[in-house]
Protein backbone atom coordinates (compact mmCIF):
# COMPACT_ATOMS: atom_id res chain seq x y z
CA UNK A 1 119.36 37.84 83.60
CA UNK A 2 120.56 39.94 80.71
CA UNK A 3 124.19 40.43 79.79
CA UNK A 4 125.02 44.04 80.60
CA UNK A 5 128.31 45.62 79.56
CA UNK A 6 130.57 45.70 82.61
CA UNK A 7 133.99 45.05 81.09
CA UNK A 8 136.11 48.22 81.37
CA UNK A 9 137.62 47.78 77.89
CA UNK A 10 134.18 47.40 76.32
CA UNK A 11 132.88 50.44 78.20
CA UNK A 12 135.91 52.46 77.08
CA UNK A 13 135.22 51.47 73.46
CA UNK A 14 131.58 52.54 73.69
CA UNK A 15 132.62 55.95 75.01
CA UNK A 16 135.50 56.39 72.54
CA UNK A 17 133.32 55.55 69.53
CA UNK A 18 130.49 57.88 70.56
CA UNK A 19 130.14 61.44 69.31
CA UNK A 20 126.49 62.28 70.04
CA UNK A 21 124.81 61.61 73.39
CA UNK A 22 121.10 62.21 73.96
CA UNK A 23 120.54 62.83 77.66
CA UNK A 24 117.03 61.92 78.83
CA UNK A 25 116.19 63.85 81.96
CA UNK A 26 118.84 66.54 81.51
CA UNK A 27 118.16 69.28 84.03
CA UNK A 28 118.81 72.95 83.33
CA UNK A 29 119.97 73.32 86.95
CA UNK A 30 123.79 73.33 87.25
CA UNK A 31 123.64 71.61 90.66
CA UNK A 32 121.90 68.50 89.30
CA UNK A 33 123.96 65.38 88.45
CA UNK A 34 122.58 65.22 84.89
CA UNK A 35 123.81 68.76 84.25
CA UNK A 36 127.23 68.16 85.82
CA UNK A 37 127.80 64.95 83.84
CA UNK A 38 126.54 66.42 80.57
CA UNK A 39 128.65 69.57 80.96
CA UNK A 40 131.69 67.39 81.56
CA UNK A 41 131.03 65.21 78.50
CA UNK A 42 130.35 68.30 76.37
CA UNK A 43 133.68 69.80 77.51
CA UNK A 44 135.39 66.64 76.22
CA UNK A 45 134.02 67.04 72.70
CA UNK A 46 130.75 65.11 72.83
CA UNK A 47 127.63 66.70 71.40
CA UNK A 48 124.92 66.63 74.04
CA UNK A 49 121.29 66.50 72.91
CA UNK A 50 118.99 67.43 75.83
CA UNK A 51 115.73 65.52 76.23
CA UNK A 52 113.43 67.39 78.62
CA UNK A 53 109.81 68.32 77.80
CA UNK A 54 109.99 71.39 80.07
CA UNK A 55 112.85 73.24 78.35
CA UNK A 56 113.61 74.65 74.92
CA UNK A 57 117.40 74.83 75.35
CA UNK A 58 119.99 73.41 77.76
CA UNK A 59 123.78 73.69 77.46
CA UNK A 60 123.36 75.84 74.31
CA UNK A 61 121.62 72.96 72.49
CA UNK A 62 118.00 72.72 71.41
CA UNK A 63 116.01 70.59 73.83
CA UNK A 64 113.46 68.01 72.70
CA UNK A 65 110.46 66.61 74.62
CA UNK A 66 111.34 62.99 73.75
CA UNK A 67 113.71 60.93 71.63
CA UNK A 68 110.95 60.60 69.05
CA UNK A 69 111.00 64.38 68.50
CA UNK A 70 114.64 64.50 67.38
CA UNK A 71 115.32 65.92 63.92
CA UNK A 72 115.28 63.31 61.17
CA UNK A 73 118.77 62.11 60.30
CA UNK A 74 120.33 62.93 63.68
CA UNK A 75 122.24 59.80 64.68
CA UNK A 76 122.45 59.13 68.41
CA UNK A 77 125.32 57.02 69.65
CA UNK A 78 124.37 56.84 73.33
CA UNK A 79 121.05 57.48 75.06
CA UNK A 80 122.12 58.43 78.58
CA UNK A 81 119.20 58.04 81.00
CA UNK A 82 118.80 60.14 84.15
CA UNK A 83 115.32 58.96 85.11
CA UNK A 84 113.89 56.66 87.77
CA UNK A 85 114.41 52.98 87.04
CA UNK A 86 110.68 52.29 86.71
CA UNK A 87 110.36 54.86 83.88
CA UNK A 88 113.10 53.41 81.67
CA UNK A 89 111.24 50.88 79.48
CA UNK A 90 109.45 53.45 77.27
CA UNK A 91 112.72 55.41 76.92
CA UNK A 92 114.52 52.27 75.75
CA UNK A 93 111.69 51.55 73.31
CA UNK A 94 112.19 55.05 71.87
CA UNK A 95 115.97 54.50 71.71
CA UNK A 96 115.32 51.36 69.68
CA UNK A 97 112.95 53.25 67.36
CA UNK A 98 115.51 55.98 66.60
CA UNK A 99 118.33 53.50 66.01
CA UNK A 100 120.58 54.47 68.92
CA UNK A 101 123.69 52.33 69.36
CA UNK A 102 123.77 52.21 73.18
CA UNK A 103 121.46 52.71 76.13
CA UNK A 104 123.34 53.95 79.20
CA UNK A 105 121.46 53.96 82.50
CA UNK A 106 123.23 56.29 84.88
CA UNK A 107 124.33 55.33 88.36
CA UNK A 108 121.30 54.28 90.40
CA UNK A 109 119.25 53.38 87.32
CA UNK A 110 118.67 49.64 86.91
CA UNK A 111 115.95 48.01 84.83
CA UNK A 112 116.55 44.42 83.63
CA UNK A 113 113.42 44.38 81.44
CA UNK A 114 114.55 47.53 79.63
CA UNK A 115 118.03 46.04 79.25
CA UNK A 116 116.58 42.86 77.77
CA UNK A 117 114.49 44.83 75.25
CA UNK A 118 117.55 46.85 74.22
CA UNK A 119 119.72 43.74 73.84
CA UNK A 120 117.06 41.97 71.77
CA UNK A 121 117.21 44.99 69.43
CA UNK A 122 121.02 44.68 69.37
CA UNK A 123 121.78 47.83 71.36
CA UNK A 124 124.68 47.94 73.79
CA UNK A 125 123.46 48.24 77.40
CA UNK A 126 125.20 49.80 80.37
CA UNK A 127 123.35 50.00 83.69
CA UNK A 128 124.02 51.62 87.03
CA UNK A 129 127.24 53.36 85.91
CA UNK A 130 128.29 56.99 85.61
CA UNK A 131 129.50 57.82 82.10
CA UNK A 132 131.58 60.71 83.46
CA UNK A 133 133.42 58.47 85.93
CA UNK A 134 133.94 55.82 83.28
CA UNK A 135 135.23 58.43 80.83
CA UNK A 136 137.74 59.64 83.42
CA UNK A 137 138.79 56.13 84.44
CA UNK A 138 138.88 54.32 81.11
CA UNK A 139 139.30 56.98 78.41
CA UNK A 140 141.33 59.79 79.96
CA UNK A 141 143.55 57.49 82.01
CA UNK A 142 144.42 55.38 78.99
CA UNK A 143 145.21 58.37 76.74
């Protein structure tokens, strides 16, 4: 079993140090969890980079079909994944290719093989957690 970040202090540090979050599976629909979470994080100063092959813009940011289509030189701190667990491995492989610092699998997303690949490439890994809830609990509460 892989070692996944679960310590609240470590999670808080990941969130505090991040500035740019690529959101894979970001929906343009305001009622979808990916949209709610991303809007919240954007309202707290994070730059959200939408990854959705079906849209050209979400949350007033250019949307990209995959992580591999991001502009050269754009550094991604966290790749936040809102996709089914069985689709995560190729996303993690792309996160490794672009040099992301952390792979964050949202609540309900759990893929130990993807986590292992990310850890072997020295990326931080968070699984089955909501970044919005963790931001509220560990970043806002401690401010």
